[in-house]
Amino acid sequence: MADFISSVSRGNRPDLAIDNRSKKVEENQKEAARTLRPEEDFRDDRVELSGVQEKAMAAPDFDSEKVERIKQAIREGNYPLDSRRIAENFMALERMI
């Protein structure tokens, strides 16, 4: 029989549903804790980069002189900033989130 005020059937109690959800959350947390390794197990982990990745990291693919000129202009206060454009870009990023 439905309760016309809350549209919830008398057999389907929301307070029990919340209890069941919290029990599932606790069970999931316990399961995750069982599958995680203790910190000391990570001591022997290693990362090895392939030759392509090492070359890419060694020789960056950008104009480092231009970057240095921009850095210097920023330090000296000579780099032109368009606050409106910056704000518009932040808004575009915010919409993506």
C-alpha atoms as a PDB file:
ATOM      1  CA  MET A   1       0.000   0.000   0.000  1.00  0.00           C
ATOM      2  CA  ALA A   2       1.376   3.417  -0.928  1.00  0.00           C
ATOM      3  CA  ASP A   3       1.637   6.324   1.447  1.00  0.00           C
ATOM      4  CA  PHE A   4       0.059   9.164  -0.518  1.00  0.00           C
ATOM      5  CA  ILE A   5       1.939  11.844   1.388  1.00  0.00           C
ATOM      6  CA  SER A   6       5.452  10.589   0.658  1.00  0.00           C
ATOM      7  CA  SER A   7       4.760   8.264  -2.319  1.00  0.00           C
ATOM      8  CA  VAL A   8       6.751   5.551  -0.554  1.00  0.00           C
ATOM      9  CA  SER A   9       5.288   2.121  -0.117  1.00  0.00           C
ATOM     10  CA  ARG A  10       5.069   0.969   3.457  1.00  0.00           C
ATOM     11  CA  GLY A  11       7.270  -2.021   2.705  1.00  0.00           C
ATOM     12  CA  ASN A  12      10.046   0.111   1.227  1.00  0.00           C
ATOM     13  CA  ARG A  13      11.275   2.199   4.130  1.00  0.00           C
ATOM     14  CA  PRO A  14      13.816   4.913   3.237  1.00  0.00           C
ATOM     15  CA  ASP A  15      15.486   4.675   6.654  1.00  0.00           C
ATOM     16  CA  LEU A  16      16.309   1.022   5.986  1.00  0.00           C
ATOM     17  CA  ALA A  17      17.616   1.876   2.522  1.00  0.00           C
ATOM     18  CA  ILE A  18      20.031   4.392   4.070  1.00  0.00           C
ATOM     19  CA  ASP A  19      21.199   1.770   6.570  1.00  0.00           C
ATOM     20  CA  ASN A  20      21.764  -0.712   3.743  1.00  0.00           C
ATOM     21  CA  ARG A  21      23.749   1.864   1.734  1.00  0.00           C
ATOM     22  CA  SER A  22      25.959   2.700   4.703  1.00  0.00           C
ATOM     23  CA  LYS A  23      26.600  -1.011   5.268  1.00  0.00           C
ATOM     24  CA  LYS A  24      27.603  -1.376   1.605  1.00  0.00           C
ATOM     25  CA  VAL A  25      29.967   1.586   1.930  1.00  0.00           C
ATOM     26  CA  GLU A  26      31.577   0.013   4.994  1.00  0.00           C
ATOM     27  CA  GLU A  27      31.910  -3.338   3.195  1.00  0.00           C
ATOM     28  CA  ASN A  28      33.526  -1.627   0.188  1.00  0.00           C
ATOM     29  CA  GLN A  29      35.987   0.197   2.453  1.00  0.00           C
ATOM     30  CA  LYS A  30      36.919  -3.045   4.199  1.00  0.00           C
ATOM     31  CA  GLU A  31      37.411  -4.772   0.844  1.00  0.00           C
ATOM     32  CA  ALA A  32      39.618  -1.923  -0.378  1.00  0.00           C
ATOM     33  CA  ALA A  33      41.693  -2.103   2.816  1.00  0.00           C
ATOM     34  CA  ARG A  34      42.218  -5.844   2.273  1.00  0.00           C
ATOM     35  CA  THR A  35      43.432  -5.336  -1.297  1.00  0.00           C
ATOM     36  CA  LEU A  36      45.850  -2.490  -0.504  1.00  0.00           C
ATOM     37  CA  ARG A  37      49.406  -3.474   0.215  1.00  0.00           C
ATOM     38  CA  PRO A  38      51.220  -2.097   3.231  1.00  0.00           C
ATOM     39  CA  GLU A  39      53.604   0.768   2.483  1.00  0.00           C
ATOM     40  CA  GLU A  40      56.712  -1.367   2.937  1.00  0.00           C
ATOM     41  CA  ASP A  41      55.669  -3.512  -0.051  1.00  0.00           C
ATOM     42  CA  PHE A  42      56.198  -0.491  -2.341  1.00  0.00           C
ATOM     43  CA  ARG A  43      59.897  -0.042  -1.488  1.00  0.00           C
ATOM     44  CA  ASP A  44      61.042  -2.387  -4.257  1.00  0.00           C
ATOM     45  CA  ASP A  45      58.805  -0.944  -7.011  1.00  0.00           C
ATOM     46  CA  ARG A  46      60.700   0.448  -9.988  1.00  0.00           C
ATOM     47  CA  VAL A  47      59.848   2.508 -13.068  1.00  0.00           C
ATOM     48  CA  GLU A  48      61.817   1.992 -16.275  1.00  0.00           C
ATOM     49  CA  LEU A  49      61.415   4.353 -19.200  1.00  0.00           C
ATOM     50  CA  SER A  50      61.781   3.243 -22.789  1.00  0.00           C
ATOM     51  CA  GLY A  51      64.374   4.883 -25.013  1.00  0.00           C
ATOM     52  CA  VAL A  52      61.754   7.049 -26.740  1.00  0.00           C
ATOM     53  CA  GLN A  53      60.493   8.431 -23.443  1.00  0.00           C
ATOM     54  CA  GLU A  54      64.004   9.128 -22.210  1.00  0.00           C
ATOM     55  CA  LYS A  55      64.822  11.051 -25.412  1.00  0.00           C
ATOM     56  CA  ALA A  56      61.589  13.044 -25.171  1.00  0.00           C
ATOM     57  CA  MET A  57      62.324  14.039 -21.601  1.00  0.00           C
ATOM     58  CA  ALA A  58      65.989  14.854 -22.315  1.00  0.00           C
ATOM     59  CA  ALA A  59      65.320  17.173 -25.286  1.00  0.00           C
ATOM     60  CA  PRO A  60      62.136  19.182 -24.749  1.00  0.00           C
ATOM     61  CA  ASP A  61      60.192  20.083 -27.888  1.00  0.00           C
ATOM     62  CA  PHE A  62      59.756  23.827 -27.300  1.00  0.00           C
ATOM     63  CA  ASP A  63      61.646  27.044 -27.864  1.00  0.00           C
ATOM     64  CA  SER A  64      63.537  27.433 -24.590  1.00  0.00           C
ATOM     65  CA  GLU A  65      64.922  30.847 -25.630  1.00  0.00           C
ATOM     66  CA  LYS A  66      61.398  32.186 -26.136  1.00  0.00           C
ATOM     67  CA  VAL A  67      60.381  30.837 -22.731  1.00  0.00           C
ATOM     68  CA  GLU A  68      63.340  32.599 -21.129  1.00  0.00           C
ATOM     69  CA  ARG A  69      62.435  35.887 -22.884  1.00  0.00           C
ATOM     70  CA  ILE A  70      58.873  35.623 -21.584  1.00  0.00           C
ATOM     71  CA  LYS A  71      60.091  34.835 -18.061  1.00  0.00           C
ATOM     72  CA  GLN A  72      62.394  37.849 -18.146  1.00  0.00           C
ATOM     73  CA  ALA A  73      59.594  40.126 -19.410  1.00  0.00           C
ATOM     74  CA  ILE A  74      57.312  38.900 -16.596  1.00  0.00           C
ATOM     75  CA  ARG A  75      60.038  39.541 -13.990  1.00  0.00           C
ATOM     76  CA  GLU A  76      60.550  43.053 -15.344  1.00  0.00           C
ATOM     77  CA  GLY A  77      56.821  43.740 -15.557  1.00  0.00           C
ATOM     78  CA  ASN A  78      56.938  44.205 -19.329  1.00  0.00           C
ATOM     79  CA  TYR A  79      54.815  41.248 -20.366  1.00  0.00           C
ATOM     80  CA  PRO A  80      51.396  42.391 -21.622  1.00  0.00           C
ATOM     81  CA  LEU A  81      48.493  40.718 -19.831  1.00  0.00           C
ATOM     82  CA  ASP A  82      44.900  40.944 -21.038  1.00  0.00           C
ATOM     83  CA  SER A  83      42.810  40.415 -17.902  1.00  0.00           C
ATOM     84  CA  ARG A  84      39.590  40.068 -19.926  1.00  0.00           C
ATOM     85  CA  ARG A  85      41.074  37.281 -22.055  1.00  0.00           C
ATOM     86  CA  ILE A  86      42.413  35.524 -18.966  1.00  0.00           C
ATOM     87  CA  ALA A  87      38.980  35.694 -17.313  1.00  0.00           C
ATOM     88  CA  GLU A  88      37.295  34.361 -20.465  1.00  0.00           C
ATOM     89  CA  ASN A  89      39.703  31.419 -20.557  1.00  0.00           C
ATOM     90  CA  PHE A  90      38.995  30.659 -16.906  1.00  0.00           C
ATOM     91  CA  MET A  91      35.285  30.689 -17.658  1.00  0.00           C
ATOM     92  CA  ALA A  92      35.808  28.277 -20.560  1.00  0.00           C
ATOM     93  CA  LEU A  93      37.750  25.941 -18.272  1.00  0.00           C
ATOM     94  CA  GLU A  94      35.055  26.190 -15.614  1.00  0.00           C
ATOM     95  CA  ARG A  95      32.377  25.203 -18.145  1.00  0.00           C
ATOM     96  CA  MET A  96      34.341  22.067 -19.039  1.00  0.00           C
ATOM     97  CA  ILE A  97      34.226  20.940 -15.425  1.00  0.00           C
END
